[in-house]
N, C-alpha and C. Protein backbone atom coordinates (compact mmCIF):
# COMPACT_ATOMS: atom_id res chain seq x y z
N UNK A 1 0.83 -1.18 0.00
CA UNK A 1 0.00 0.00 0.00
C UNK A 1 0.88 1.25 0.00
N UNK A 2 0.37 2.27 -0.61
CA UNK A 2 1.10 3.53 -0.65
C UNK A 2 0.72 4.43 0.52
N UNK A 3 -0.51 4.31 1.00
CA UNK A 3 -0.93 5.18 2.10
C UNK A 3 -1.80 4.39 3.07
N UNK A 4 -1.92 4.94 4.25
CA UNK A 4 -2.74 4.30 5.28
C UNK A 4 -4.21 4.29 4.85
N UNK A 5 -4.65 5.33 4.15
CA UNK A 5 -6.04 5.37 3.69
C UNK A 5 -6.36 4.23 2.72
N UNK A 6 -5.41 3.93 1.82
CA UNK A 6 -5.60 2.80 0.90
C UNK A 6 -5.68 1.49 1.66
N UNK A 7 -4.83 1.34 2.67
CA UNK A 7 -4.81 0.11 3.45
C UNK A 7 -6.12 -0.06 4.22
N UNK A 8 -6.62 1.01 4.80
CA UNK A 8 -7.90 0.96 5.51
C UNK A 8 -9.02 0.58 4.56
N UNK A 9 -9.05 1.17 3.39
CA UNK A 9 -10.10 0.85 2.41
C UNK A 9 -10.00 -0.60 1.95
N UNK A 10 -8.78 -1.08 1.73
CA UNK A 10 -8.58 -2.48 1.32
C UNK A 10 -9.08 -3.43 2.40
N UNK A 11 -8.74 -3.14 3.66
CA UNK A 11 -9.20 -4.01 4.75
C UNK A 11 -10.72 -4.02 4.84
N UNK A 12 -11.35 -2.88 4.67
CA UNK A 12 -12.82 -2.83 4.73
C UNK A 12 -13.45 -3.69 3.64
N UNK A 13 -12.91 -3.61 2.42
CA UNK A 13 -13.47 -4.41 1.34
C UNK A 13 -13.19 -5.90 1.55
N UNK A 14 -12.02 -6.24 2.11
CA UNK A 14 -11.72 -7.64 2.40
C UNK A 14 -12.59 -8.19 3.52
N UNK A 15 -12.94 -7.35 4.49
CA UNK A 15 -13.84 -7.78 5.56
C UNK A 15 -15.20 -8.15 4.97
N UNK A 16 -15.70 -7.31 4.08
CA UNK A 16 -16.99 -7.60 3.45
C UNK A 16 -16.94 -8.90 2.65
N UNK A 17 -15.85 -9.11 1.91
CA UNK A 17 -15.71 -10.34 1.13
C UNK A 17 -15.61 -11.57 2.05
N UNK A 18 -14.88 -11.44 3.14
CA UNK A 18 -14.73 -12.56 4.07
C UNK A 18 -16.06 -12.88 4.76
N UNK A 19 -16.82 -11.83 5.08
CA UNK A 19 -18.15 -12.05 5.68
C UNK A 19 -19.06 -12.80 4.71
N UNK A 20 -19.01 -12.38 3.44
CA UNK A 20 -19.85 -13.02 2.43
C UNK A 20 -19.46 -14.49 2.24
N UNK A 21 -18.16 -14.78 2.41
CA UNK A 21 -17.68 -16.15 2.26
C UNK A 21 -17.85 -16.97 3.54
N UNK A 22 -18.22 -16.31 4.63
CA UNK A 22 -18.40 -17.02 5.89
C UNK A 22 -17.10 -17.35 6.61
N UNK A 23 -16.04 -16.61 6.29
CA UNK A 23 -14.73 -16.86 6.89
C UNK A 23 -14.57 -15.98 8.14
N UNK A 24 -15.09 -16.46 9.27
CA UNK A 24 -15.11 -15.68 10.50
C UNK A 24 -13.71 -15.39 11.05
N UNK A 25 -12.79 -16.32 10.89
CA UNK A 25 -11.42 -16.10 11.36
C UNK A 25 -10.75 -14.95 10.65
N UNK A 26 -10.91 -14.89 9.34
CA UNK A 26 -10.33 -13.79 8.57
C UNK A 26 -11.00 -12.47 8.92
N UNK A 27 -12.29 -12.50 9.15
CA UNK A 27 -13.02 -11.28 9.53
C UNK A 27 -12.45 -10.74 10.84
N UNK A 28 -12.27 -11.61 11.83
CA UNK A 28 -11.74 -11.16 13.13
C UNK A 28 -10.33 -10.60 12.98
N UNK A 29 -9.49 -11.27 12.19
CA UNK A 29 -8.13 -10.80 11.98
C UNK A 29 -8.12 -9.42 11.31
N UNK A 30 -8.90 -9.27 10.27
CA UNK A 30 -8.94 -8.00 9.55
C UNK A 30 -9.55 -6.88 10.39
N UNK A 31 -10.54 -7.21 11.22
CA UNK A 31 -11.13 -6.19 12.08
C UNK A 31 -10.11 -5.69 13.10
N UNK A 32 -9.29 -6.58 13.64
CA UNK A 32 -8.24 -6.16 14.58
C UNK A 32 -7.20 -5.29 13.87
N UNK A 33 -6.83 -5.69 12.66
CA UNK A 33 -5.87 -4.90 11.89
C UNK A 33 -6.44 -3.52 11.57
N UNK A 34 -7.69 -3.48 11.18
CA UNK A 34 -8.36 -2.22 10.86
C UNK A 34 -8.43 -1.32 12.09
N UNK A 35 -8.75 -1.90 13.23
CA UNK A 35 -8.80 -1.14 14.48
C UNK A 35 -7.45 -0.49 14.77
N UNK A 36 -6.36 -1.25 14.60
CA UNK A 36 -5.02 -0.71 14.82
C UNK A 36 -4.66 0.39 13.84
N UNK A 37 -5.01 0.20 12.58
CA UNK A 37 -4.72 1.21 11.56
C UNK A 37 -5.49 2.51 11.82
N UNK A 38 -6.75 2.37 12.20
CA UNK A 38 -7.55 3.57 12.49
C UNK A 38 -7.02 4.31 13.71
N UNK A 39 -6.57 3.57 14.73
CA UNK A 39 -5.99 4.21 15.91
C UNK A 39 -4.68 4.91 15.56
N UNK A 40 -3.86 4.26 14.73
CA UNK A 40 -2.60 4.86 14.30
C UNK A 40 -2.87 6.15 13.54
N UNK A 41 -3.85 6.11 12.65
CA UNK A 41 -4.20 7.30 11.86
C UNK A 41 -4.69 8.43 12.77
N UNK A 42 -5.46 8.08 13.78
CA UNK A 42 -5.96 9.09 14.71
C UNK A 42 -4.82 9.69 15.53
N UNK A 43 -3.85 8.88 15.94
CA UNK A 43 -2.72 9.37 16.73
C UNK A 43 -1.72 10.15 15.91
N UNK A 44 -1.66 9.90 14.61
CA UNK A 44 -0.70 10.55 13.71
C UNK A 44 -1.42 11.10 12.48
N UNK A 45 -2.25 12.11 12.64
CA UNK A 45 -3.04 12.61 11.50
C UNK A 45 -2.21 13.19 10.37
N UNK A 46 -1.01 13.67 10.66
CA UNK A 46 -0.17 14.25 9.62
C UNK A 46 0.62 13.20 8.83
N UNK A 47 0.65 11.98 9.33
CA UNK A 47 1.44 10.90 8.72
C UNK A 47 0.56 10.09 7.79
N UNK A 48 0.87 10.07 6.51
CA UNK A 48 0.03 9.39 5.52
C UNK A 48 0.60 8.05 5.05
N UNK A 49 1.83 7.69 5.48
CA UNK A 49 2.42 6.43 4.99
C UNK A 49 1.69 5.23 5.59
N UNK A 50 1.81 4.09 4.94
CA UNK A 50 1.21 2.85 5.41
C UNK A 50 2.14 2.26 6.46
N UNK A 51 1.74 2.24 7.73
CA UNK A 51 2.63 1.75 8.77
C UNK A 51 2.78 0.23 8.73
N UNK A 52 3.94 -0.22 9.18
CA UNK A 52 4.16 -1.66 9.29
C UNK A 52 3.40 -2.18 10.50
N UNK A 53 3.19 -3.49 10.57
CA UNK A 53 2.53 -4.04 11.76
C UNK A 53 3.27 -3.71 13.06
N UNK A 54 4.59 -3.63 13.01
CA UNK A 54 5.35 -3.28 14.21
C UNK A 54 5.09 -1.83 14.62
N UNK A 55 4.99 -0.93 13.66
CA UNK A 55 4.68 0.46 13.97
C UNK A 55 3.31 0.58 14.64
N UNK A 56 2.34 -0.15 14.13
CA UNK A 56 0.99 -0.11 14.70
C UNK A 56 1.02 -0.69 16.12
N UNK A 57 1.71 -1.82 16.29
CA UNK A 57 1.82 -2.46 17.60
C UNK A 57 2.48 -1.52 18.61
N UNK A 58 3.57 -0.90 18.22
CA UNK A 58 4.29 -0.02 19.13
C UNK A 58 3.49 1.25 19.44
N UNK A 59 2.67 1.69 18.50
CA UNK A 59 1.82 2.84 18.76
C UNK A 59 0.80 2.49 19.85
N UNK A 60 0.32 1.26 19.83
CA UNK A 60 -0.67 0.83 20.80
C UNK A 60 -0.03 0.33 22.10
N UNK A 61 1.23 -0.10 22.05
CA UNK A 61 1.93 -0.68 23.20
C UNK A 61 3.33 -0.09 23.33
N UNK A 62 3.46 1.19 23.65
CA UNK A 62 4.79 1.82 23.65
C UNK A 62 5.75 1.27 24.69
N UNK A 63 5.25 0.63 25.73
CA UNK A 63 6.12 0.10 26.78
C UNK A 63 6.56 -1.34 26.52
N UNK A 64 6.11 -1.93 25.43
CA UNK A 64 6.50 -3.30 25.12
C UNK A 64 8.01 -3.37 24.86
N UNK A 65 8.66 -4.46 25.26
CA UNK A 65 10.12 -4.57 25.05
C UNK A 65 10.55 -4.39 23.60
N UNK A 66 9.71 -4.83 22.67
CA UNK A 66 10.05 -4.70 21.24
C UNK A 66 10.06 -3.26 20.77
N UNK A 67 9.43 -2.37 21.55
CA UNK A 67 9.23 -1.00 21.10
C UNK A 67 10.14 0.00 21.81
N UNK A 68 10.92 -0.47 22.71
CA UNK A 68 11.80 0.45 23.45
C UNK A 68 12.94 0.92 22.57
N UNK A 69 13.28 2.18 22.73
CA UNK A 69 14.38 2.78 21.99
C UNK A 69 15.39 3.27 23.02
N UNK A 70 16.62 2.88 22.84
CA UNK A 70 17.68 3.27 23.77
C UNK A 70 18.62 4.26 23.10
N UNK A 71 18.88 5.35 23.77
CA UNK A 71 19.85 6.34 23.28
C UNK A 71 21.20 6.02 23.90
N UNK A 72 22.20 5.93 23.07
CA UNK A 72 23.56 5.65 23.58
C UNK A 72 24.30 6.93 23.81
């Protein structure tokens, strides 16, 4: 994806397709991903790039060991 807006739109259309196919596991996965993307977009309104899953995770969990940044 080129932007977070494209990624959000893609996830929404995939959720509808998964619902139509009866794939509840995929729907749950995509809804969680969409929730994270929307929260990231709300926290960073000026940032239009498509964040990686790690960026979204760290935005939601800044104290997680994977997200700590050490200055030397």
